[in-house]
Structure formats: C-alpha cells, structure tokens
C-alpha cells in the first residue's frame, strides 16, 4: 500500500500521518491474540479454522485426539518443545489443504527437532494429510522409544493418506511406519506427489510392504542424511510392485515374498536400485510354493542389487525358494552378496541361491553376477540346475561362479 502526503497544511498532514499509523497498526496481527490450544483431549468433533495471516494456533503439549478433528485449508499450527498430536484409535485427523492454501505444522524456529510430531494410531479412513507441510519435529518419542522419532509416525494397524505434502527437517526420520521385520501390513493407503527434505535420518522408514504404494519418480527426496527409502524387512503377501524412484531402496533385514501357505509375488521394475544393509536379503518365502520374484530390467534401465557398502559379503544375496516360472532376472547387476546362507550352512553362500529351505529355481539372462564373498550362484540339493546363458557375466566371486549340490 502506497500513501502519498502532499505539502501545504502541515497540521492536516500530521493528522493524516497519525491516522494512517493507527490504521496500519490495527491491521497487523496481534500475537497475544493467537489462541493456545488446551491440553484437554479432543473428545467431540472439532474444527480448527483459518484465522488469517500468520500463526493460527499454538500447541504447547501433547494433544490426544479421540474424535474427528478437521483442520481447514490455510491453517498454521505452531508447536512448542515436546508438543505434538496423538491421533488415538477412536479419533481421526483430516488435514486437507489446497495448493494455494496449504496447512502448516511447524515450530516457532525453523530448526530440526523441536516438537514430537504427528502420531497416527487410528485406522479411520478419514486420516489424511493433503497439501500439508510438517517440519521441525522428531524431538522425542510418544512412547519413550528413542528409535521412533519422526515428523509423522504411523502405527502398523493405522491408516493414513499422504499426498501433495512436504515432510522436512525432522531430527530423525521424515515418515516412520511401525512394525517388525516379520510383519506384512501397510497402513499408508495412498501416497503421491510428496517432498521429503532435510530430515536427519531417512526420509521414509517402513516395512517392505509400503514400497508397493510409493509413486516412483513423482515424489522427491533431497537433502536428507540418507537419501534412501529404508525397508526394515517384512513379508509380502499378495501382489507387490517396486517402482523406479530417484533414490535407492535400502533393505535392512530380510524381505520375504510369501511365507508358507501365504503366497506373494513381487515385480521389480526397470531402473530400480535395491541396496542391502549388512546380512540383509531378499527371498521368495520359505515353502511358499506359489510365490515368485520377477526382476526384468531393460538394456537402457538395468536393475541393481548391491550392498549398501560396495564390498564382497556385504549382504546375503537373493534366494529363490519356489519353482515358479515367474522367478526371473534379466538386465540386472547383482553384486556384493555371500555374507551368510539362508539355512545356516556356511558353505551355502552366494549372490543368488536356487533354493534354500525349500527347492527353488530361476532364469537369468543379460546380467552380471559379481563380487560375492563366496559363490556367484549356489543351487541347493533337490533344486533344478540353473541354465546360465552366455549373456551372464561373472567376476570376482571368491569361491567360484556356479555350484550345484
């Protein structure tokens, strides 16, 4: 706003200036009028509305949500140290902003690790973060577990849609999904067009089952301490697809495709990079005869399976424990395996295992099998011989390239 004051009557000019000073002062938001949200639980349907420019609400404690909480577009919520929102099993949080009026969850100072974050324990279908920015959290855990620090934490039995949102500057992970490496659930029901930046650990830490809903190269991951999606392990039942992303997947334990009578299948698309932490691995599930793993790259977009550290014996390798014709590898590079066997037999170590606890087979073509601490390919007793065409290249496998019991 531009105000012009003409020369002439100095008294009139002075009065006008005084009027404009009072007027403009009245237009400024009064910080003392920003409501501080009560620490009482939300026990009835509640809506937080946009009160204008700047911070709309201040939260200085952990609020437990036991009913429907709706946050309208344009709302900014400022959290004090140790504060947060816990969405209990009986509650829900619907925070649906717009591109022009996003919803902001932040601290007063734009630094990492000031407040706890958002923790979804509810499986209500209304739980959604859309056009939201969540930043500066991960200061402490909601349950005392110091490994579970994040901007957004989701219980394994919960549900959450996460779309068009920015998750940034967490003191640890951006998005953390609970669960053990034997679990198979995925509480993230929708995931699209999200940005993860400046988080001090991983942008996402979850089970292998979450990877199926990730949106490939649409979401972005920049400036995080580890620009990788951490898959801590888990079992995959039903159909799963791992899409190419701009960052690698990092498997921390064992991802099992199917398990006993629960079949699963996994398709890994061209261009995907999967790294493995120490002694981690990927297998078609134990005795799950209908399960399969298909990793077919292309000449221009190869698939990579490698250790997190580029050294022989960095991870277990891939074990095919079914006889499915869909167990396929092509245009892929497999390296750094052979740290240990799937059965505990020290001699049965390799980048690729045909069988382990149960018989297994696979086809391979146009691929490299390199830098194993033991064998390139190991075929266990009772499994069919693997036909290895000339398009497969071996190198640097300590014990040898191929062994069949």
Protein backbone atom coordinates (compact mmCIF):
# COMPACT_ATOMS: atom_id res chain seq x y z
CA UNK A 1 0.00 0.00 0.00
CA UNK A 2 1.45 3.34 -1.05
CA UNK A 3 0.40 6.53 0.76
CA UNK A 4 1.17 9.98 -0.71
CA UNK A 5 1.22 13.04 1.60
CA UNK A 6 1.07 16.46 -0.17
CA UNK A 7 2.84 19.63 1.16
CA UNK A 8 0.76 22.60 2.26
CA UNK A 9 -1.14 22.36 5.52
CA UNK A 10 1.32 20.83 7.94
CA UNK A 11 -1.35 20.30 10.60
CA UNK A 12 -3.52 18.39 8.16
CA UNK A 13 -0.55 16.31 7.05
CA UNK A 14 0.38 15.46 10.64
CA UNK A 15 -3.19 14.39 11.39
CA UNK A 16 -3.24 12.20 8.30
CA UNK A 17 0.03 10.52 9.24
CA UNK A 18 -1.29 9.83 12.76
CA UNK A 19 -4.48 8.33 11.29
CA UNK A 20 -2.55 6.05 8.94
CA UNK A 21 -0.22 4.89 11.73
CA UNK A 22 -3.18 3.85 13.89
CA UNK A 23 -4.93 2.25 10.90
CA UNK A 24 -1.93 0.17 9.82
CA UNK A 25 -1.18 -0.88 13.39
CA UNK A 26 -4.73 -2.14 13.73
CA UNK A 27 -4.26 -4.27 10.59
CA UNK A 28 -1.25 -6.15 11.99
CA UNK A 29 -1.97 -9.49 13.69
CA UNK A 30 -1.65 -9.29 17.47
CA UNK A 31 0.48 -12.24 18.60
CA UNK A 32 -1.10 -12.11 22.03
CA UNK A 33 -4.46 -12.97 20.44
CA UNK A 34 -3.27 -16.28 18.92
CA UNK A 35 -5.16 -18.98 20.81
CA UNK A 36 -3.17 -21.64 22.65
CA UNK A 37 -4.89 -24.98 22.24
CA UNK A 38 -5.97 -26.54 25.51
CA UNK A 39 -4.16 -29.69 26.63
CA UNK A 40 -7.53 -31.38 27.15
CA UNK A 41 -8.23 -34.35 24.90
CA UNK A 42 -10.30 -33.79 21.78
CA UNK A 43 -13.40 -35.81 22.69
CA UNK A 44 -16.03 -34.29 20.37
CA UNK A 45 -15.99 -33.32 16.70
CA UNK A 46 -13.72 -30.27 16.36
CA UNK A 47 -12.63 -27.96 13.54
CA UNK A 48 -9.63 -25.65 13.54
CA UNK A 49 -10.30 -22.78 11.14
CA UNK A 50 -8.06 -20.34 9.30
CA UNK A 51 -7.90 -17.11 11.34
CA UNK A 52 -5.97 -15.07 8.80
CA UNK A 53 -2.29 -14.49 8.05
CA UNK A 54 0.42 -15.91 10.29
CA UNK A 55 0.09 -18.48 13.06
CA UNK A 56 -3.49 -19.52 13.79
CA UNK A 57 -2.94 -21.79 16.81
CA UNK A 58 -0.20 -22.60 19.31
CA UNK A 59 0.20 -26.07 20.83
CA UNK A 60 2.46 -26.46 23.88
CA UNK A 61 1.64 -30.03 24.93
CA UNK A 62 0.66 -33.41 23.50
CA UNK A 63 -2.98 -33.37 22.47
CA UNK A 64 -4.80 -36.71 22.29
CA UNK A 65 -7.44 -36.82 19.57
CA UNK A 66 -10.32 -39.16 20.42
CA UNK A 67 -12.88 -37.76 17.96
CA UNK A 68 -12.91 -36.28 14.49
CA UNK A 69 -10.50 -33.34 14.18
CA UNK A 70 -10.69 -31.35 10.96
CA UNK A 71 -8.08 -28.74 10.06
CA UNK A 72 -9.18 -26.38 7.31
CA UNK A 73 -7.06 -25.09 4.41
CA UNK A 74 -4.67 -22.26 5.27
CA UNK A 75 -4.30 -23.11 8.96
CA UNK A 76 -0.82 -22.76 10.52
CA UNK A 77 -0.16 -24.53 13.82
CA UNK A 78 2.95 -23.72 15.84
CA UNK A 79 4.26 -26.34 18.28
CA UNK A 80 6.34 -25.72 21.36
CA UNK A 81 9.13 -28.01 22.62
CA UNK A 82 7.88 -31.55 23.24
CA UNK A 83 4.40 -30.84 21.91
CA UNK A 84 2.55 -32.97 19.38
CA UNK A 85 -0.70 -34.51 18.23
CA UNK A 86 -1.55 -38.14 19.02
CA UNK A 87 -4.46 -39.49 16.99
CA UNK A 88 -5.85 -42.27 19.15
CA UNK A 89 -7.71 -45.34 17.87
CA UNK A 90 -11.08 -43.63 18.45
CA UNK A 91 -10.10 -40.41 16.69
CA UNK A 92 -9.21 -39.12 13.22
CA UNK A 93 -7.29 -36.22 11.73
CA UNK A 94 -8.35 -34.78 8.39
CA UNK A 95 -5.94 -32.05 7.27
CA UNK A 96 -6.81 -31.29 3.65
CA UNK A 97 -5.27 -28.09 2.41
CA UNK A 98 -5.07 -26.85 -1.16
CA UNK A 99 -2.23 -25.84 -3.45
CA UNK A 100 -2.90 -22.16 -2.69
CA UNK A 101 -3.82 -22.66 0.99
CA UNK A 102 -1.66 -25.41 2.47
CA UNK A 103 -1.84 -26.48 6.11
CA UNK A 104 1.37 -25.98 8.10
CA UNK A 105 2.59 -27.87 11.19
CA UNK A 106 5.82 -26.27 12.44
CA UNK A 107 7.80 -24.88 15.35
CA UNK A 108 8.47 -21.22 16.08
CA UNK A 109 12.08 -21.53 14.90
CA UNK A 110 12.80 -23.31 11.64
CA UNK A 111 15.24 -25.89 13.02
CA UNK A 112 15.21 -29.66 13.36
CA UNK A 113 13.79 -31.50 16.34
CA UNK A 114 11.72 -29.01 18.34
CA UNK A 115 8.42 -30.90 18.82
CA UNK A 116 7.33 -34.54 18.80
CA UNK A 117 5.33 -34.70 15.57
CA UNK A 118 2.08 -36.35 14.50
CA UNK A 119 1.39 -39.96 15.54
CA UNK A 120 -1.48 -41.82 13.89
CA UNK A 121 -2.75 -44.83 15.85
CA UNK A 122 -6.21 -44.66 14.30
CA UNK A 123 -7.34 -46.77 11.33
CA UNK A 124 -10.09 -44.33 10.42
CA UNK A 125 -10.38 -43.79 6.66
CA UNK A 126 -10.65 -40.03 7.29
CA UNK A 127 -6.98 -39.79 8.32
CA UNK A 128 -5.34 -37.68 5.64
CA UNK A 129 -2.53 -35.17 5.11
CA UNK A 130 -3.05 -33.43 1.78
CA UNK A 131 -1.25 -30.23 0.81
CA UNK A 132 0.38 -30.10 4.23
CA UNK A 133 3.83 -29.11 5.43
CA UNK A 134 5.12 -30.92 8.52
CA UNK A 135 8.51 -29.72 9.74
CA UNK A 136 10.85 -29.38 12.75
CA UNK A 137 9.59 -32.43 14.68
CA UNK A 138 11.21 -35.68 15.87
CA UNK A 139 12.45 -34.20 19.14
CA UNK A 140 11.21 -37.10 21.26
CA UNK A 141 9.05 -40.21 21.07
CA UNK A 142 5.40 -40.57 22.04
CA UNK A 143 6.10 -43.83 23.88
CA UNK A 144 9.68 -43.42 25.12
CA UNK A 145 11.23 -45.48 22.32
CA UNK A 146 14.09 -43.26 21.26
CA UNK A 147 14.43 -45.05 17.90
CA UNK A 148 10.95 -43.91 16.89
CA UNK A 149 11.38 -40.22 16.21
CA UNK A 150 9.74 -38.67 13.16
CA UNK A 151 7.72 -35.80 11.79
CA UNK A 152 4.93 -38.27 11.01
CA UNK A 153 4.68 -41.64 12.72
CA UNK A 154 2.07 -44.25 11.80
CA UNK A 155 1.15 -47.35 13.80
CA UNK A 156 1.09 -50.58 11.84
CA UNK A 157 -2.65 -51.03 12.47
CA UNK A 158 -3.50 -47.43 11.47
CA UNK A 159 -4.45 -45.83 8.15
CA UNK A 160 -3.14 -42.65 6.52
CA UNK A 161 -3.38 -40.97 3.11
CA UNK A 162 -0.33 -38.80 2.40
CA UNK A 163 -0.48 -36.65 -0.70
CA UNK A 164 0.94 -33.38 -2.07
CA UNK A 165 2.78 -32.76 1.19
CA UNK A 166 6.24 -31.71 2.37
CA UNK A 167 7.90 -33.58 5.26
CA UNK A 168 11.06 -31.77 6.28
CA UNK A 169 13.66 -31.08 8.96
CA UNK A 170 12.90 -33.95 11.30
CA UNK A 171 15.54 -34.73 13.92
CA UNK A 172 15.36 -38.34 12.68
CA UNK A 173 13.03 -39.86 10.08
CA UNK A 174 10.55 -37.97 7.97
CA UNK A 175 7.86 -40.68 7.86
CA UNK A 176 8.13 -43.66 10.21
CA UNK A 177 5.84 -46.68 9.93
CA UNK A 178 5.91 -49.00 12.95
CA UNK A 179 6.32 -52.78 12.68
CA UNK A 180 8.70 -55.71 12.98
CA UNK A 181 10.55 -57.44 10.18
CA UNK A 182 8.01 -60.31 10.25
CA UNK A 183 5.02 -58.00 9.70
CA UNK A 184 3.20 -57.64 6.42
CA UNK A 185 0.73 -54.77 6.84
CA UNK A 186 0.88 -51.37 5.16
CA UNK A 187 -1.04 -48.53 6.82
CA UNK A 188 -0.26 -45.98 4.07
CA UNK A 189 -3.30 -46.31 1.82
CA UNK A 190 -2.44 -43.51 -0.62
CA UNK A 191 0.91 -41.86 -1.37
CA UNK A 192 1.53 -39.34 -4.13
CA UNK A 193 3.48 -36.21 -5.02
CA UNK A 194 5.25 -35.74 -1.69
CA UNK A 195 8.53 -34.00 -0.90
CA UNK A 196 10.97 -35.20 1.76
CA UNK A 197 13.85 -32.85 2.54
CA UNK A 198 16.35 -32.08 5.26
CA UNK A 199 15.41 -34.99 7.53
CA UNK A 200 18.30 -36.09 9.73
CA UNK A 201 17.98 -39.82 9.06
CA UNK A 202 15.86 -41.44 6.34
CA UNK A 203 13.02 -39.73 4.52
CA UNK A 204 10.94 -42.90 4.99
CA UNK A 205 11.49 -45.81 7.36
CA UNK A 206 8.96 -48.62 6.95
CA UNK A 207 8.36 -52.28 6.16
CA UNK A 208 8.79 -53.75 2.71
CA UNK A 209 5.02 -53.75 2.20
CA UNK A 210 4.96 -49.94 1.93
CA UNK A 211 7.01 -49.91 -1.26
CA UNK A 212 4.03 -51.01 -3.35
CA UNK A 213 2.17 -47.70 -2.79
CA UNK A 214 5.13 -45.40 -3.47
CA UNK A 215 4.73 -43.33 -6.61
CA UNK A 216 8.07 -43.87 -8.30
CA UNK A 217 9.79 -40.74 -9.57
CA UNK A 218 6.86 -38.40 -8.78
CA UNK A 219 7.76 -37.79 -5.13
CA UNK A 220 11.16 -36.24 -4.40
CA UNK A 221 13.84 -36.88 -1.78
CA UNK A 222 16.54 -34.24 -1.32
CA UNK A 223 18.98 -33.18 1.38
CA UNK A 224 18.13 -35.97 3.82
CA UNK A 225 21.05 -37.51 5.70
CA UNK A 226 20.38 -40.82 3.92
CA UNK A 227 18.58 -40.22 0.63
CA UNK A 228 17.16 -43.75 0.51
CA UNK A 229 13.84 -45.35 1.39
CA UNK A 230 14.54 -47.70 4.28
CA UNK A 231 12.68 -51.02 4.17
CA UNK A 232 13.36 -52.66 7.52
CA UNK A 233 12.21 -56.11 6.36
CA UNK A 234 8.81 -57.80 6.37
CA UNK A 235 6.71 -60.30 4.45
CA UNK A 236 4.93 -59.55 1.20
CA UNK A 237 1.61 -61.30 0.66
CA UNK A 238 -0.43 -60.79 -2.50
CA UNK A 239 0.79 -58.67 -5.40
CA UNK A 240 3.56 -56.09 -4.99
CA UNK A 241 5.41 -53.81 -7.42
CA UNK A 242 8.55 -51.81 -6.63
CA UNK A 243 8.71 -48.83 -8.95
CA UNK A 244 11.79 -46.95 -10.07
CA UNK A 245 12.48 -43.97 -7.82
CA UNK A 246 15.03 -41.17 -7.82
CA UNK A 247 16.66 -42.78 -4.77
CA UNK A 248 17.52 -46.39 -3.86
CA UNK A 249 15.55 -48.74 -1.69
CA UNK A 250 17.65 -49.92 1.27
CA UNK A 251 16.67 -53.30 2.76
CA UNK A 252 17.77 -53.55 6.38
CA UNK A 253 16.82 -57.15 7.24
CA UNK A 254 15.06 -59.92 5.25
CA UNK A 255 12.21 -59.16 2.88
CA UNK A 256 10.34 -62.39 2.22
CA UNK A 257 7.96 -62.69 -0.74
CA UNK A 258 5.34 -65.07 0.60
CA UNK A 259 5.64 -67.34 3.63
CA UNK A 260 4.40 -70.93 3.94
CA UNK A 261 0.70 -71.02 2.86
CA UNK A 262 0.53 -67.26 2.26
CA UNK A 263 1.72 -66.64 -1.28
CA UNK A 264 3.10 -63.38 -2.59
CA UNK A 265 4.67 -62.04 -5.73
CA UNK A 266 7.00 -59.12 -6.33
CA UNK A 267 7.76 -57.39 -9.61
CA UNK A 268 10.75 -55.06 -9.61
CA UNK A 269 10.52 -52.58 -12.46
CA UNK A 270 13.34 -51.47 -14.79
CA UNK A 271 15.72 -48.87 -13.36
CA UNK A 272 15.22 -49.83 -9.69
CA UNK A 273 18.23 -49.87 -7.36
CA UNK A 274 17.99 -52.02 -4.24
CA UNK A 275 20.78 -51.81 -1.70
CA UNK A 276 21.16 -54.14 1.27
CA UNK A 277 22.48 -53.50 4.75
CA UNK A 278 24.81 -55.97 6.46
CA UNK A 279 23.47 -59.54 6.22
CA UNK A 280 20.14 -58.41 4.77
CA UNK A 281 18.49 -60.26 1.92
CA UNK A 282 15.54 -60.82 -0.39
CA UNK A 283 13.85 -64.18 -0.88
CA UNK A 284 10.76 -65.90 -2.12
CA UNK A 285 9.22 -67.15 1.07
CA UNK A 286 10.02 -70.34 2.89
CA UNK A 287 7.92 -73.22 1.48
CA UNK A 288 5.55 -70.75 -0.21
CA UNK A 289 5.40 -72.68 -3.47
CA UNK A 290 3.13 -70.24 -5.31
CA UNK A 291 5.33 -67.22 -4.64
CA UNK A 292 7.69 -65.59 -7.13
CA UNK A 293 10.10 -62.74 -7.76
CA UNK A 294 10.46 -61.11 -11.16
CA UNK A 295 13.23 -58.55 -11.81
CA UNK A 296 13.40 -57.79 -15.50
CA UNK A 297 15.23 -54.63 -16.44
CA UNK A 298 15.93 -53.35 -19.93
CA UNK A 299 19.05 -52.55 -21.88
CA UNK A 300 18.65 -48.85 -21.06
CA UNK A 301 17.36 -49.29 -17.49
CA UNK A 302 19.08 -52.09 -15.65
CA UNK A 303 18.10 -53.26 -12.17
CA UNK A 304 20.79 -53.13 -9.47
CA UNK A 305 21.08 -55.35 -6.37
CA UNK A 306 24.14 -54.42 -4.31
CA UNK A 307 25.44 -53.97 -0.81
CA UNK A 308 24.99 -50.68 0.96
CA UNK A 309 28.77 -50.77 1.14
CA UNK A 310 30.45 -51.90 -2.06
CA UNK A 311 32.39 -54.86 -0.70
CA UNK A 312 32.14 -58.63 -1.01
CA UNK A 313 29.96 -60.19 1.67
CA UNK A 314 28.03 -57.02 2.35
CA UNK A 315 24.68 -58.90 2.27
CA UNK A 316 23.18 -62.38 1.99
CA UNK A 317 22.00 -62.40 -1.61
CA UNK A 318 18.70 -63.36 -3.25
CA UNK A 319 17.15 -66.78 -2.56
CA UNK A 320 14.51 -68.26 -4.83
CA UNK A 321 12.58 -70.83 -2.78
CA UNK A 322 9.84 -71.73 -5.21
CA UNK A 323 9.73 -73.50 -8.57
CA UNK A 324 7.62 -70.82 -10.26
CA UNK A 325 8.41 -70.00 -13.89
CA UNK A 326 7.97 -66.34 -12.90
CA UNK A 327 11.23 -66.36 -10.93
CA UNK A 328 13.17 -64.28 -13.44
CA UNK A 329 16.18 -61.98 -13.59
CA UNK A 330 17.29 -60.12 -16.70
CA UNK A 331 19.26 -56.97 -17.40
CA UNK A 332 20.30 -56.83 -13.76
CA UNK A 333 23.56 -56.42 -11.86
CA UNK A 334 23.91 -58.49 -8.69
CA UNK A 335 26.98 -57.88 -6.53
CA UNK A 336 28.48 -57.96 -3.01
CA UNK A 337 26.49 -60.91 -1.60
CA UNK A 338 27.52 -64.10 0.17
CA UNK A 339 27.71 -62.84 3.76
CA UNK A 340 25.82 -65.86 5.11
CA UNK A 341 23.45 -68.58 3.96
CA UNK A 342 19.70 -68.72 4.43
CA UNK A 343 19.91 -72.16 6.10
CA UNK A 344 22.90 -71.56 8.35
CA UNK A 345 25.19 -73.88 6.36
CA UNK A 346 28.35 -71.81 5.97
CA UNK A 347 29.24 -73.26 2.56
CA UNK A 348 25.88 -72.25 1.03
CA UNK A 349 26.67 -68.59 0.47
CA UNK A 350 26.14 -66.77 -2.82
CA UNK A 351 24.80 -63.75 -4.65
CA UNK A 352 21.97 -65.91 -5.99
CA UNK A 353 20.51 -69.01 -4.35
CA UNK A 354 18.49 -71.62 -6.23
CA UNK A 355 16.58 -73.00 -3.25
CA UNK A 356 17.34 -72.75 0.47
CA UNK A 357 14.86 -74.11 3.00
CA UNK A 358 12.80 -75.37 0.08
CA UNK A 359 13.59 -76.17 -3.55
CA UNK A 360 13.82 -73.24 -5.90
CA UNK A 361 14.76 -72.18 -9.39
CA UNK A 362 15.03 -69.09 -11.58
CA UNK A 363 16.01 -67.96 -15.04
CA UNK A 364 18.71 -65.37 -15.65
CA UNK A 365 19.92 -63.54 -18.74
CA UNK A 366 21.81 -60.39 -19.77
CA UNK A 367 23.05 -59.88 -16.21
CA UNK A 368 26.23 -59.63 -14.15
CA UNK A 369 26.95 -61.69 -11.03
CA UNK A 370 29.97 -60.24 -9.28
CA UNK A 371 31.96 -59.70 -6.10
CA UNK A 372 30.41 -62.42 -3.95
CA UNK A 373 32.29 -63.38 -0.81
CA UNK A 374 31.57 -67.00 -1.78
CA UNK A 375 29.75 -68.27 -4.91
CA UNK A 376 28.11 -66.36 -7.70
CA UNK A 377 25.22 -68.87 -7.89
CA UNK A 378 24.56 -71.73 -5.47
CA UNK A 379 21.95 -74.40 -6.26
CA UNK A 380 20.82 -76.38 -3.26
CA UNK A 381 20.21 -80.15 -3.22
CA UNK A 382 16.81 -81.01 -4.71
CA UNK A 383 16.59 -77.89 -6.82
CA UNK A 384 16.78 -77.97 -10.64
CA UNK A 385 20.01 -76.93 -12.31
CA UNK A 386 20.06 -73.28 -13.38
CA UNK A 387 20.72 -72.71 -17.07
CA UNK A 388 23.17 -69.82 -17.33
CA UNK A 389 23.44 -68.37 -20.83
CA UNK A 390 26.46 -66.62 -22.26
CA UNK A 391 24.81 -63.24 -21.71
CA UNK A 392 25.55 -63.61 -17.98
CA UNK A 393 28.93 -62.25 -16.90
CA UNK A 394 30.76 -63.38 -13.75
CA UNK A 395 33.67 -61.71 -11.99
CA UNK A 396 35.26 -61.51 -8.55
CA UNK A 397 33.30 -64.32 -6.88
CA UNK A 398 35.68 -65.67 -4.24
CA UNK A 399 34.65 -69.36 -4.21
CA UNK A 400 33.64 -69.60 -7.84
CA UNK A 401 30.87 -68.70 -10.21
CA UNK A 402 28.42 -71.63 -10.03
CA UNK A 403 27.91 -74.61 -7.71
CA UNK A 404 25.17 -77.23 -7.67
CA UNK A 405 24.96 -79.74 -4.81
